Amino acid sequence: MGAPVLATNNVQVDNVVALWRAGESLKAVAEEYGLTRDAAEAICRIAA
């Protein structure tokens, strides 16, 4: 079984969270992965 991915774009959840933990803003994370800021925040909150 592989790592969890986002259904919308098959990006690994860990990649989204790692970028945020590295200091990127939620807006930057969202733009990088084609997400809304709210979606990026929700992913980071759940995974953190």
N, C-alpha and C. Protein backbone atom coordinates (compact mmCIF):
# COMPACT_ATOMS: atom_id res chain seq x y z
N MET A 1 0.85 -1.18 0.00
CA MET A 1 0.00 0.00 0.00
C MET A 1 0.89 1.24 0.00
N GLY A 2 0.60 2.18 -0.87
CA GLY A 2 1.42 3.38 -1.00
C GLY A 2 1.00 4.50 -0.07
N ALA A 3 1.68 5.60 -0.23
CA ALA A 3 1.40 6.79 0.58
C ALA A 3 0.07 7.42 0.13
N PRO A 4 -0.64 8.07 1.05
CA PRO A 4 -1.89 8.73 0.68
C PRO A 4 -1.64 9.86 -0.32
N VAL A 5 -2.53 9.95 -1.30
CA VAL A 5 -2.45 11.00 -2.32
C VAL A 5 -3.77 11.75 -2.39
N LEU A 6 -3.70 12.96 -2.94
CA LEU A 6 -4.90 13.76 -3.15
C LEU A 6 -5.63 13.23 -4.38
N ALA A 7 -6.93 13.06 -4.26
CA ALA A 7 -7.73 12.53 -5.36
C ALA A 7 -7.74 13.48 -6.56
N THR A 8 -7.61 14.76 -6.31
CA THR A 8 -7.72 15.74 -7.39
C THR A 8 -6.52 15.77 -8.32
N ASN A 9 -5.32 15.46 -7.80
CA ASN A 9 -4.13 15.58 -8.64
C ASN A 9 -3.05 14.54 -8.37
N ASN A 10 -3.35 13.54 -7.54
CA ASN A 10 -2.43 12.45 -7.23
C ASN A 10 -1.13 12.89 -6.57
N VAL A 11 -1.12 14.05 -5.94
CA VAL A 11 0.05 14.52 -5.19
C VAL A 11 0.04 13.84 -3.81
N GLN A 12 1.19 13.39 -3.39
CA GLN A 12 1.27 12.77 -2.06
C GLN A 12 1.02 13.82 -0.98
N VAL A 13 0.19 13.45 -0.01
CA VAL A 13 -0.12 14.33 1.10
C VAL A 13 1.16 14.76 1.81
N ASP A 14 2.09 13.83 1.96
CA ASP A 14 3.37 14.15 2.62
C ASP A 14 4.12 15.28 1.91
N ASN A 15 4.02 15.35 0.60
CA ASN A 15 4.71 16.41 -0.14
C ASN A 15 4.11 17.78 0.17
N VAL A 16 2.80 17.83 0.26
CA VAL A 16 2.12 19.08 0.59
C VAL A 16 2.54 19.54 1.98
N VAL A 17 2.48 18.64 2.94
CA VAL A 17 2.81 18.97 4.32
C VAL A 17 4.30 19.34 4.46
N ALA A 18 5.15 18.63 3.76
CA ALA A 18 6.59 18.90 3.85
C ALA A 18 6.92 20.31 3.37
N LEU A 19 6.28 20.73 2.31
CA LEU A 19 6.53 22.08 1.79
C LEU A 19 6.11 23.13 2.82
N TRP A 20 4.96 22.91 3.44
CA TRP A 20 4.47 23.83 4.47
C TRP A 20 5.40 23.83 5.68
N ARG A 21 5.83 22.65 6.11
CA ARG A 21 6.73 22.56 7.28
C ARG A 21 8.09 23.17 6.98
N ALA A 22 8.46 23.23 5.71
CA ALA A 22 9.74 23.83 5.32
C ALA A 22 9.68 25.36 5.37
N GLY A 23 8.49 25.89 5.64
CA GLY A 23 8.38 27.33 5.82
C GLY A 23 7.60 28.06 4.75
N GLU A 24 7.10 27.34 3.76
CA GLU A 24 6.31 28.00 2.72
C GLU A 24 4.94 28.38 3.28
N SER A 25 4.40 29.47 2.78
CA SER A 25 3.07 29.89 3.21
C SER A 25 2.03 28.93 2.64
N LEU A 26 0.86 28.91 3.24
CA LEU A 26 -0.21 28.07 2.73
C LEU A 26 -0.60 28.49 1.31
N LYS A 27 -0.52 29.79 1.04
CA LYS A 27 -0.81 30.27 -0.30
C LYS A 27 0.18 29.70 -1.31
N ALA A 28 1.46 29.70 -0.96
CA ALA A 28 2.49 29.16 -1.85
C ALA A 28 2.32 27.66 -2.05
N VAL A 29 2.00 26.96 -0.98
CA VAL A 29 1.77 25.51 -1.08
C VAL A 29 0.59 25.23 -2.01
N ALA A 30 -0.48 25.99 -1.81
CA ALA A 30 -1.67 25.81 -2.64
C ALA A 30 -1.34 26.05 -4.12
N GLU A 31 -0.63 27.10 -4.40
CA GLU A 31 -0.27 27.41 -5.79
C GLU A 31 0.63 26.33 -6.39
N GLU A 32 1.55 25.82 -5.61
CA GLU A 32 2.47 24.79 -6.09
C GLU A 32 1.74 23.52 -6.53
N TYR A 33 0.69 23.18 -5.80
CA TYR A 33 0.00 21.92 -6.07
C TYR A 33 -1.40 22.09 -6.66
N GLY A 34 -1.74 23.29 -7.09
CA GLY A 34 -3.02 23.50 -7.73
C GLY A 34 -4.21 23.32 -6.81
N LEU A 35 -4.05 23.76 -5.57
CA LEU A 35 -5.10 23.65 -4.57
C LEU A 35 -5.61 25.03 -4.18
N THR A 36 -6.74 25.06 -3.51
CA THR A 36 -7.15 26.31 -2.89
C THR A 36 -6.37 26.45 -1.60
N ARG A 37 -6.29 27.68 -1.10
CA ARG A 37 -5.60 27.89 0.17
C ARG A 37 -6.30 27.11 1.28
N ASP A 38 -7.63 27.10 1.25
CA ASP A 38 -8.40 26.37 2.28
C ASP A 38 -8.11 24.88 2.24
N ALA A 39 -7.99 24.32 1.04
CA ALA A 39 -7.68 22.89 0.91
C ALA A 39 -6.28 22.60 1.45
N ALA A 40 -5.32 23.44 1.12
CA ALA A 40 -3.96 23.26 1.62
C ALA A 40 -3.93 23.32 3.15
N GLU A 41 -4.68 24.28 3.71
CA GLU A 41 -4.74 24.40 5.17
C GLU A 41 -5.36 23.16 5.79
N ALA A 42 -6.44 22.66 5.21
CA ALA A 42 -7.11 21.48 5.75
C ALA A 42 -6.18 20.27 5.72
N ILE A 43 -5.45 20.10 4.64
CA ILE A 43 -4.52 18.98 4.52
C ILE A 43 -3.44 19.07 5.59
N CYS A 44 -2.88 20.26 5.78
CA CYS A 44 -1.82 20.44 6.76
C CYS A 44 -2.33 20.26 8.19
N ARG A 45 -3.52 20.72 8.46
CA ARG A 45 -4.10 20.56 9.81
C ARG A 45 -4.34 19.09 10.14
N ILE A 46 -4.90 18.35 9.18
CA ILE A 46 -5.19 16.94 9.42
C ILE A 46 -3.91 16.12 9.54
N ALA A 47 -2.93 16.42 8.72
CA ALA A 47 -1.70 15.63 8.70
C ALA A 47 -0.73 16.00 9.81
N ALA A 48 -0.88 17.20 10.37
CA ALA A 48 0.08 17.67 11.38
C ALA A 48 -0.13 17.09 12.73
